[in-house]
N, C-alpha and C. Protein backbone atom coordinates (compact mmCIF):
# COMPACT_ATOMS: atom_id res chain seq x y z
N MET A 1 10.77 -52.92 10.87
CA MET A 1 11.94 -52.60 10.27
C MET A 1 11.97 -50.94 10.80
N SER A 2 12.75 -50.62 11.59
CA SER A 2 13.00 -49.44 12.11
C SER A 2 13.91 -48.36 10.89
N LEU A 3 13.87 -47.33 10.72
CA LEU A 3 14.57 -46.39 9.88
C LEU A 3 15.62 -45.69 10.62
N GLY A 4 15.53 -45.90 11.86
CA GLY A 4 16.69 -45.25 12.97
C GLY A 4 16.63 -43.85 12.98
N ILE A 5 15.00 -43.12 12.94
CA ILE A 5 14.89 -41.97 13.10
C ILE A 5 14.08 -42.02 14.50
N GLU A 6 14.31 -41.01 15.45
CA GLU A 6 13.46 -40.81 16.62
C GLU A 6 12.50 -39.84 16.27
N TYR A 7 11.42 -39.99 16.98
CA TYR A 7 10.29 -39.27 17.11
C TYR A 7 10.48 -37.63 17.27
N SER A 8 11.49 -37.17 18.31
CA SER A 8 11.76 -36.06 18.53
C SER A 8 12.46 -35.27 17.07
N VAL A 9 13.36 -35.99 16.54
CA VAL A 9 13.93 -35.53 15.25
C VAL A 9 12.84 -35.00 14.49
N VAL A 10 11.91 -35.84 14.27
CA VAL A 10 10.92 -35.72 13.19
C VAL A 10 9.92 -34.48 13.89
N PHE A 11 9.53 -34.37 15.06
CA PHE A 11 8.94 -33.38 15.59
C PHE A 11 9.90 -32.14 15.34
N ALA A 12 11.05 -32.16 15.57
CA ALA A 12 11.75 -31.06 15.58
C ALA A 12 11.72 -30.32 13.95
N TYR A 13 11.79 -31.10 12.98
CA TYR A 13 11.69 -31.05 11.65
C TYR A 13 10.31 -30.28 11.56
N ILE A 14 9.30 -30.88 11.91
CA ILE A 14 8.04 -30.25 11.76
C ILE A 14 8.03 -28.74 12.06
N MET A 15 8.32 -28.74 13.56
CA MET A 15 8.23 -27.41 14.11
C MET A 15 9.43 -26.27 13.33
N ALA A 16 10.09 -26.81 12.75
CA ALA A 16 11.14 -25.72 11.93
C ALA A 16 10.36 -25.58 10.89
N LEU A 17 9.70 -26.26 10.19
CA LEU A 17 8.97 -25.92 9.01
C LEU A 17 7.94 -25.27 9.20
N GLY A 18 7.31 -25.18 10.32
CA GLY A 18 6.23 -24.31 10.73
C GLY A 18 6.86 -23.02 11.13
N LEU A 19 7.79 -22.85 11.65
CA LEU A 19 8.25 -21.70 12.13
C LEU A 19 8.57 -21.06 10.84
N LEU A 20 9.44 -21.76 9.86
CA LEU A 20 9.81 -21.02 8.89
C LEU A 20 8.66 -20.66 7.92
N PHE A 21 7.47 -21.23 7.92
CA PHE A 21 6.49 -20.81 7.13
C PHE A 21 5.97 -19.59 7.90
N LEU A 22 5.90 -19.38 9.14
CA LEU A 22 5.43 -18.42 9.93
C LEU A 22 6.30 -17.03 9.77
N LEU A 23 7.52 -17.23 9.53
CA LEU A 23 8.68 -16.29 9.44
C LEU A 23 8.23 -15.75 8.08
N GLY A 24 8.13 -16.61 6.91
CA GLY A 24 7.71 -16.03 5.73
C GLY A 24 6.30 -15.26 5.69
N TRP A 25 5.29 -15.73 6.51
CA TRP A 25 4.41 -15.22 6.00
C TRP A 25 4.13 -13.94 6.75
N ILE A 26 4.97 -13.54 8.33
CA ILE A 26 5.32 -12.39 8.65
C ILE A 26 5.97 -11.39 7.86
N LEU A 27 6.78 -11.79 7.18
CA LEU A 27 7.62 -10.76 6.61
C LEU A 27 7.02 -10.46 4.77
N PHE A 28 6.11 -11.27 4.45
CA PHE A 28 5.26 -11.08 3.22
C PHE A 28 4.21 -9.97 3.72
N ILE A 29 3.53 -9.67 4.94
CA ILE A 29 2.54 -8.91 5.04
C ILE A 29 3.16 -7.47 4.75
N PRO A 30 4.17 -7.04 5.27
CA PRO A 30 4.75 -5.85 4.96
C PRO A 30 5.03 -5.53 3.81
N ILE A 31 5.50 -6.45 2.94
CA ILE A 31 5.78 -6.11 1.56
C ILE A 31 4.30 -5.82 0.73
N LYS A 32 3.41 -6.61 1.22
CA LYS A 32 2.08 -6.23 0.69
C LYS A 32 1.53 -4.95 0.95
N ILE A 33 1.75 -4.30 2.08
CA ILE A 33 1.25 -3.13 2.32
C ILE A 33 2.07 -2.19 2.12
N PHE A 34 3.38 -2.21 1.68
CA PHE A 34 4.40 -1.38 0.87
C PHE A 34 3.94 -1.24 -0.52
N LEU A 35 3.55 -2.46 -1.02
CA LEU A 35 3.47 -2.54 -2.46
C LEU A 35 1.92 -1.92 -2.67
N LYS A 36 1.04 -1.77 -1.92
CA LYS A 36 -0.46 -1.23 -1.67
C LYS A 36 0.11 0.27 -1.92
N PHE A 37 0.87 0.79 -0.86
CA PHE A 37 1.23 2.24 -0.53
C PHE A 37 1.85 2.72 -1.81
N LEU A 38 2.78 2.14 -2.35
CA LEU A 38 3.42 2.53 -3.78
C LEU A 38 2.31 2.52 -4.84
N PHE A 39 1.58 1.60 -5.03
CA PHE A 39 0.78 1.74 -6.27
C PHE A 39 -0.35 3.12 -5.79
N ASN A 40 -0.83 3.29 -4.78
CA ASN A 40 -1.75 4.23 -4.33
C ASN A 40 -1.13 5.70 -4.53
N THR A 41 0.47 5.50 -4.32
CA THR A 41 1.00 6.85 -4.42
C THR A 41 1.25 7.17 -6.08
N ILE A 42 1.80 6.07 -6.55
CA ILE A 42 2.02 6.31 -7.91
C ILE A 42 0.40 6.84 -8.91
N ILE A 43 -0.57 6.07 -8.40
CA ILE A 43 -2.07 6.26 -9.05
C ILE A 43 -2.24 7.72 -8.70
N GLY A 44 -2.08 8.25 -7.27
CA GLY A 44 -2.66 9.58 -6.84
C GLY A 44 -1.80 10.53 -7.40
N GLY A 45 -0.55 10.44 -7.65
CA GLY A 45 0.17 11.30 -8.14
C GLY A 45 0.09 11.44 -9.47
N ILE A 46 -0.41 10.54 -10.34
CA ILE A 46 -0.62 10.71 -11.95
C ILE A 46 -2.13 11.26 -11.94
N LEU A 47 -2.84 11.07 -11.05
CA LEU A 47 -4.43 11.34 -11.15
C LEU A 47 -4.26 12.84 -10.74
N LEU A 48 -3.28 13.44 -9.91
CA LEU A 48 -3.30 14.67 -9.51
C LEU A 48 -2.78 15.62 -10.53
N TYR A 49 -1.59 15.21 -11.33
CA TYR A 49 -1.01 15.87 -12.47
C TYR A 49 -2.20 15.88 -13.87
N ILE A 50 -2.98 14.82 -13.87
CA ILE A 50 -3.86 15.01 -14.81
C ILE A 50 -5.03 16.04 -14.66
N LEU A 51 -5.24 16.01 -13.39
CA LEU A 51 -6.33 16.83 -13.00
C LEU A 51 -5.93 18.26 -12.89
N ASN A 52 -4.58 18.76 -12.51
CA ASN A 52 -4.28 20.08 -12.73
C ASN A 52 -4.03 20.23 -14.09
N VAL A 53 -3.54 19.49 -15.06
CA VAL A 53 -3.48 19.85 -16.34
C VAL A 53 -4.92 20.13 -16.96
N PHE A 54 -5.69 18.87 -16.90
CA PHE A 54 -7.08 19.19 -17.75
C PHE A 54 -7.96 19.87 -16.93
N GLY A 55 -7.86 20.16 -15.81
CA GLY A 55 -8.85 20.83 -14.72
C GLY A 55 -8.60 22.14 -15.18
N SER A 56 -7.48 22.60 -15.60
CA SER A 56 -7.46 24.23 -15.62
C SER A 56 -8.17 24.64 -16.66
N PHE A 57 -8.67 24.09 -17.51
CA PHE A 57 -9.48 24.37 -18.76
C PHE A 57 -10.80 24.49 -17.96
N VAL A 58 -11.26 24.30 -17.13
CA VAL A 58 -12.53 24.30 -16.75
C VAL A 58 -12.25 25.01 -15.03
N GLY A 59 -11.31 25.16 -14.73
CA GLY A 59 -11.20 25.99 -13.34
C GLY A 59 -11.13 24.84 -12.12
N ILE A 60 -11.04 23.89 -12.47
CA ILE A 60 -10.95 22.74 -11.36
C ILE A 60 -9.15 22.57 -11.21
N GLY A 61 -8.79 22.48 -9.78
CA GLY A 61 -7.43 22.34 -9.88
C GLY A 61 -7.29 22.14 -8.18
N ILE A 62 -6.01 21.32 -7.90
CA ILE A 62 -5.61 21.36 -6.39
C ILE A 62 -4.17 21.80 -6.50
N ALA A 63 -3.75 22.67 -5.53
CA ALA A 63 -2.19 23.24 -5.48
C ALA A 63 -1.42 21.78 -4.89
N LEU A 64 -0.40 21.88 -5.66
CA LEU A 64 0.65 20.60 -5.79
C LEU A 64 1.48 21.26 -4.46
N ASN A 65 1.45 20.79 -3.43
CA ASN A 65 2.39 21.05 -2.24
C ASN A 65 2.53 19.90 -1.66
N PRO A 66 3.40 19.70 -0.37
CA PRO A 66 3.58 18.28 0.27
C PRO A 66 2.43 17.82 1.05
N VAL A 67 1.58 18.67 1.57
CA VAL A 67 0.24 18.30 2.07
C VAL A 67 -0.63 17.23 1.18
N THR A 68 -0.97 18.12 -0.17
CA THR A 68 -1.74 17.25 -1.10
C THR A 68 -0.97 16.21 -1.70
N ALA A 69 0.22 16.40 -1.93
CA ALA A 69 1.03 15.19 -2.30
C ALA A 69 0.93 13.85 -1.38
N ILE A 70 0.92 14.24 -0.02
CA ILE A 70 0.84 13.21 0.95
C ILE A 70 -0.52 12.60 0.83
N VAL A 71 -1.55 13.39 0.95
CA VAL A 71 -3.12 12.89 0.92
C VAL A 71 -3.02 11.93 -0.26
N ALA A 72 -2.63 12.56 -1.66
CA ALA A 72 -2.91 11.93 -2.78
C ALA A 72 -1.96 10.47 -3.02
N GLY A 73 -0.74 10.64 -1.99
CA GLY A 73 0.01 9.33 -1.83
C GLY A 73 -0.61 8.34 -1.08
N LEU A 74 -0.99 8.60 0.08
CA LEU A 74 -1.67 7.85 1.13
C LEU A 74 -3.03 7.38 0.53
N LEU A 75 -3.98 8.03 0.16
CA LEU A 75 -5.19 7.80 0.00
C LEU A 75 -5.37 7.51 -1.52
N GLY A 76 -4.70 7.83 -2.31
CA GLY A 76 -4.96 7.58 -3.88
C GLY A 76 -6.13 8.27 -4.46
N ILE A 77 -6.82 7.62 -5.15
CA ILE A 77 -8.28 8.39 -5.73
C ILE A 77 -9.12 8.83 -4.52
N PRO A 78 -9.17 8.15 -3.83
CA PRO A 78 -10.35 8.71 -2.59
C PRO A 78 -9.72 10.03 -2.09
N GLY A 79 -8.28 10.03 -1.78
CA GLY A 79 -7.99 11.53 -1.57
C GLY A 79 -7.97 12.46 -2.30
N ILE A 80 -7.96 12.29 -3.43
CA ILE A 80 -8.07 13.65 -4.46
C ILE A 80 -9.62 13.57 -4.56
N ILE A 81 -10.62 12.95 -4.43
CA ILE A 81 -11.73 13.19 -4.38
C ILE A 81 -12.09 14.04 -3.29
N LEU A 82 -11.54 13.58 -2.13
CA LEU A 82 -11.63 14.24 -0.80
C LEU A 82 -11.16 15.56 -0.65
N MET A 83 -10.24 15.76 -1.44
CA MET A 83 -9.43 17.21 -1.43
C MET A 83 -10.48 18.06 -2.39
N LEU A 84 -10.88 17.58 -3.44
CA LEU A 84 -11.68 18.06 -4.39
C LEU A 84 -13.04 18.88 -3.75
N LEU A 85 -13.85 17.69 -2.89
CA LEU A 85 -15.05 18.20 -1.92
C LEU A 85 -14.48 19.20 -1.11
N LEU A 86 -13.39 19.01 -0.29
CA LEU A 86 -13.08 19.93 0.62
C LEU A 86 -12.84 21.47 0.15
N LYS A 87 -12.17 21.44 -1.14
CA LYS A 87 -11.84 22.93 -1.95
C LYS A 87 -13.32 23.40 -2.16
N HIS A 88 -14.09 22.43 -2.52
CA HIS A 88 -15.54 23.06 -3.29
C HIS A 88 -16.49 23.58 -1.90
N ILE A 89 -16.28 22.67 -0.75
CA ILE A 89 -17.13 23.15 0.45
C ILE A 89 -16.63 24.42 1.01
N LEU A 90 -15.15 24.32 1.06
CA LEU A 90 -14.48 25.57 1.86
C LEU A 90 -14.53 26.93 0.74
N LEU A 91 -14.28 26.99 -0.42
CA LEU A 91 -14.16 28.12 -1.00
C LEU A 91 -15.65 27.97 -1.63
C-alpha cells in the first residue's frame, strides 16, 4: 500500500526542518549574549551606585564617568573589583 509520497519530498521536509532548527539556534545565541550583557550592566550599575553611597563613609569610591560605567557594564562585579584594585594600587 503506497501513500503516494516520494522520498524526495520527505527528504525536502526533513532538510527544511533541519534548516529551521539551525536558524533558530543561530538567532537564539545573540539573544543569550545580549541578555547576559544587560544583566551585567544592571548589576554593575547597581553595585557601583551602592559602593559610592556606602563607600563614602569609609573613603572608598569610584568616580562615576563613562569609562567606569562601561567597565562596570561590560564586566559587572569583576569590573568593579578590578577598578577598586587599580585605584588602590595606583593611589
